[in-house]
């Protein structure tokens, strides 16, 4: 990681409070939270948004996890992908669909609603806009709140991925990611250091 990891004794009171809350909610301060603790006010807001999109949004769990995988792959965020791919599969994303996303192919999702959701998210990430027909299909299945929550998830997980990549958080040289073109991984693997 490019920033120093703060030990509890190096944290100010606000950082210690946040560290305790994150540990209680998430089982420890890992990954991007080790970066975000450098800016306690941002950390608090990001942690709150992240908790909402992961655990409380109106989207079913498998689609919350799908947005995470899509953003992780879009940004080549190795840590995020590796931390969540199994959770996404356990939540109901077919393994073949996860493999397709990893290989930048369109996944086949058996459920019409899931396929419409994927198309909406994919167009937003890749084209930066959503076609009218794609929007209408997704809106039919998920309504206004569902699409707003989907955009919130993609935004949150994109910010997460940018943080992981910019600060080279927990790149795993010993763990091969499922996609070969991940820049950070290649750089780390070449010199053998995270």
Protein backbone atom coordinates (compact mmCIF):
# COMPACT_ATOMS: atom_id res chain seq x y z
CA UNK A 1 0.00 0.00 0.00
CA UNK A 2 1.25 3.44 -0.89
CA UNK A 3 0.17 5.11 2.36
CA UNK A 4 1.29 4.20 5.85
CA UNK A 5 -1.15 1.96 7.72
CA UNK A 6 -2.16 3.72 10.89
CA UNK A 7 -1.76 1.79 14.11
CA UNK A 8 -4.35 2.48 16.79
CA UNK A 9 -1.75 4.41 18.81
CA UNK A 10 -1.15 6.71 15.81
CA UNK A 11 -4.83 7.53 15.33
CA UNK A 12 -6.50 10.59 16.76
CA UNK A 13 -9.71 10.15 18.74
CA UNK A 14 -11.97 10.53 15.71
CA UNK A 15 -10.00 7.91 13.76
CA UNK A 16 -10.12 5.53 16.73
CA UNK A 17 -13.91 5.92 16.96
CA UNK A 18 -14.30 5.18 13.27
CA UNK A 19 -11.92 2.25 13.46
CA UNK A 20 -13.99 0.74 16.28
CA UNK A 21 -17.24 1.24 14.35
CA UNK A 22 -15.81 -0.27 11.16
CA UNK A 23 -14.43 -3.22 13.12
CA UNK A 24 -17.83 -3.81 14.74
CA UNK A 25 -19.75 -3.61 11.43
CA UNK A 26 -17.26 -5.33 9.16
CA UNK A 27 -15.05 -7.45 11.39
CA UNK A 28 -11.94 -5.28 11.04
CA UNK A 29 -10.33 -2.36 9.27
CA UNK A 30 -9.23 -3.78 5.93
CA UNK A 31 -8.78 -2.76 2.34
CA UNK A 32 -9.92 0.75 1.47
CA UNK A 33 -10.77 1.68 5.05
CA UNK A 34 -7.06 1.74 5.84
CA UNK A 35 -6.84 4.56 3.27
CA UNK A 36 -10.06 6.36 4.14
CA UNK A 37 -9.10 6.59 7.83
CA UNK A 38 -6.51 9.15 6.70
CA UNK A 39 -9.51 11.48 6.12
CA UNK A 40 -11.91 10.73 8.99
CA UNK A 41 -14.87 12.78 7.76
CA UNK A 42 -14.71 11.21 4.30
CA UNK A 43 -14.26 7.80 5.89
CA UNK A 44 -17.42 8.21 7.95
CA UNK A 45 -19.52 9.19 4.97
CA UNK A 46 -18.06 6.55 2.66
CA UNK A 47 -18.52 3.82 5.27
CA UNK A 48 -22.14 4.82 5.75
CA UNK A 49 -22.86 4.85 2.00
CA UNK A 50 -21.02 1.56 1.54
CA UNK A 51 -23.03 -0.07 4.34
CA UNK A 52 -26.27 1.13 2.73
CA UNK A 53 -25.50 -0.09 -0.80
CA UNK A 54 -24.15 -3.43 0.41
CA UNK A 55 -26.66 -4.29 3.11
CA UNK A 56 -29.74 -2.07 3.00
CA UNK A 57 -30.61 -0.91 -0.53
CA UNK A 58 -33.87 -2.06 -2.11
CA UNK A 59 -31.99 -4.27 -4.58
CA UNK A 60 -31.79 -8.00 -3.90
CA UNK A 61 -28.45 -9.18 -2.56
CA UNK A 62 -27.34 -10.90 -5.76
CA UNK A 63 -27.80 -7.66 -7.75
CA UNK A 64 -26.00 -5.59 -5.11
CA UNK A 65 -23.12 -8.03 -5.50
CA UNK A 66 -23.41 -7.88 -9.29
CA UNK A 67 -22.90 -4.09 -9.23
CA UNK A 68 -19.80 -4.64 -7.12
CA UNK A 69 -18.36 -7.18 -9.57
CA UNK A 70 -19.16 -4.97 -12.55
CA UNK A 71 -17.50 -1.91 -11.02
CA UNK A 72 -14.51 -3.96 -9.85
CA UNK A 73 -13.99 -5.35 -13.33
CA UNK A 74 -14.60 -2.02 -15.04
CA UNK A 75 -11.85 -0.46 -12.90
CA UNK A 76 -9.63 -3.59 -12.76
CA UNK A 77 -9.83 -3.55 -8.96
CA UNK A 78 -8.21 -6.84 -8.00
CA UNK A 79 -8.77 -6.58 -4.24
CA UNK A 80 -12.46 -5.81 -4.65
CA UNK A 81 -13.00 -8.60 -7.18
CA UNK A 82 -11.19 -11.22 -5.12
CA UNK A 83 -12.97 -10.14 -1.93
CA UNK A 84 -16.45 -10.44 -3.44
CA UNK A 85 -16.58 -12.91 -6.33
CA UNK A 86 -17.41 -15.87 -4.08
CA UNK A 87 -19.99 -13.84 -2.17
CA UNK A 88 -21.65 -12.87 -5.46
CA UNK A 89 -21.79 -16.51 -6.56
CA UNK A 90 -23.17 -17.60 -3.18
CA UNK A 91 -25.81 -14.84 -3.47
CA UNK A 92 -27.01 -16.23 -6.80
CA UNK A 93 -24.84 -14.85 -9.58
CA UNK A 94 -24.00 -17.86 -11.77
CA UNK A 95 -20.32 -18.74 -11.80
CA UNK A 96 -20.38 -18.66 -15.61
CA UNK A 97 -21.72 -15.09 -15.47
CA UNK A 98 -18.91 -14.04 -13.13
CA UNK A 99 -16.40 -15.63 -15.51
CA UNK A 100 -17.94 -13.78 -18.45
CA UNK A 101 -17.68 -10.46 -16.62
CA UNK A 102 -14.06 -11.23 -15.75
CA UNK A 103 -13.37 -11.90 -19.44
CA UNK A 104 -15.26 -8.76 -20.53
CA UNK A 105 -17.97 -10.82 -22.22
CA UNK A 106 -21.70 -10.32 -21.76
CA UNK A 107 -22.98 -12.78 -19.19
CA UNK A 108 -26.11 -14.81 -19.76
CA UNK A 109 -28.48 -14.39 -16.85
CA UNK A 110 -31.52 -16.67 -16.91
CA UNK A 111 -33.83 -14.18 -15.25
CA UNK A 112 -35.16 -11.44 -17.56
CA UNK A 113 -35.04 -8.86 -14.76
CA UNK A 114 -31.41 -9.69 -13.96
CA UNK A 115 -30.47 -9.39 -17.64
CA UNK A 116 -32.20 -5.99 -17.86
CA UNK A 117 -30.38 -4.89 -14.72
CA UNK A 118 -27.03 -5.99 -16.12
CA UNK A 119 -27.69 -4.15 -19.40
CA UNK A 120 -28.58 -0.94 -17.54
CA UNK A 121 -25.42 -1.08 -15.39
CA UNK A 122 -23.21 -2.12 -18.30
CA UNK A 123 -24.32 0.75 -20.52
CA UNK A 124 -23.87 3.25 -17.72
CA UNK A 125 -20.34 2.05 -16.96
CA UNK A 126 -19.19 1.58 -20.54
CA UNK A 127 -21.14 4.21 -22.50
CA UNK A 128 -21.68 6.67 -19.62
CA UNK A 129 -25.33 6.87 -20.69
CA UNK A 130 -28.26 4.45 -20.88
CA UNK A 131 -30.30 3.93 -24.04
CA UNK A 132 -34.06 4.59 -23.76
CA UNK A 133 -34.97 0.97 -24.46
CA UNK A 134 -32.50 -0.32 -21.86
CA UNK A 135 -33.74 2.19 -19.31
CA UNK A 136 -37.38 1.25 -19.91
CA UNK A 137 -36.68 -2.48 -19.52
CA UNK A 138 -34.78 -1.98 -16.26
CA UNK A 139 -37.34 0.52 -14.93
CA UNK A 140 -40.16 -1.97 -15.64
CA UNK A 141 -38.50 -4.48 -13.30
CA UNK A 142 -36.92 -2.28 -10.63
CA UNK A 143 -38.80 1.01 -10.62
CA UNK A 144 -37.36 4.39 -9.84
CA UNK A 145 -35.93 3.53 -6.42
CA UNK A 146 -34.25 0.40 -7.76
CA UNK A 147 -32.49 2.29 -10.54
CA UNK A 148 -31.45 5.10 -8.22
CA UNK A 149 -30.04 2.50 -5.81
CA UNK A 150 -28.27 0.79 -8.74
CA UNK A 151 -26.57 4.05 -9.76
CA UNK A 152 -25.64 4.67 -6.12
CA UNK A 153 -24.10 1.20 -5.92
CA UNK A 154 -22.11 1.62 -9.11
CA UNK A 155 -20.89 5.04 -7.97
CA UNK A 156 -19.89 3.77 -4.54
CA UNK A 157 -18.12 0.71 -5.89
CA UNK A 158 -16.38 2.79 -8.57
CA UNK A 159 -15.08 5.14 -5.88
CA UNK A 160 -13.98 2.10 -3.91
CA UNK A 161 -12.12 0.71 -6.93
CA UNK A 162 -10.39 4.02 -7.64
CA UNK A 163 -9.22 4.17 -4.03
CA UNK A 164 -7.90 0.61 -4.17
CA UNK A 165 -6.05 1.25 -7.42
CA UNK A 166 -4.65 4.71 -6.64
CA UNK A 167 -3.19 3.59 -3.33
CA UNK A 168 -2.37 0.01 -4.42
CA UNK A 169 -4.33 -1.43 -1.54
CA UNK A 170 -3.62 -5.06 -0.73
CA UNK A 171 -2.56 -6.15 -4.18
CA UNK A 172 -2.07 -9.87 -3.95
CA UNK A 173 0.98 -11.00 -5.89
CA UNK A 174 0.46 -14.60 -4.85
CA UNK A 175 -3.16 -14.71 -6.01
CA UNK A 176 -3.81 -14.70 -9.71
CA UNK A 177 -6.84 -12.62 -10.60
CA UNK A 178 -9.27 -14.13 -13.07
CA UNK A 179 -8.43 -11.53 -15.69
CA UNK A 180 -4.93 -11.09 -17.10
CA UNK A 181 -4.96 -7.40 -18.01
CA UNK A 182 -5.09 -6.00 -14.50
CA UNK A 183 -2.44 -3.30 -14.48
CA UNK A 184 -1.71 -3.13 -10.76
CA UNK A 185 -1.32 -6.86 -10.50
CA UNK A 186 1.06 -7.02 -13.43
CA UNK A 187 3.18 -4.24 -11.95
CA UNK A 188 3.32 -5.94 -8.56
CA UNK A 189 3.97 -9.38 -10.00
CA UNK A 190 6.85 -8.04 -12.09
CA UNK A 191 8.77 -6.57 -9.17
CA UNK A 192 7.51 -9.03 -6.54
CA UNK A 193 6.43 -6.28 -4.13
CA UNK A 194 2.97 -5.00 -3.19
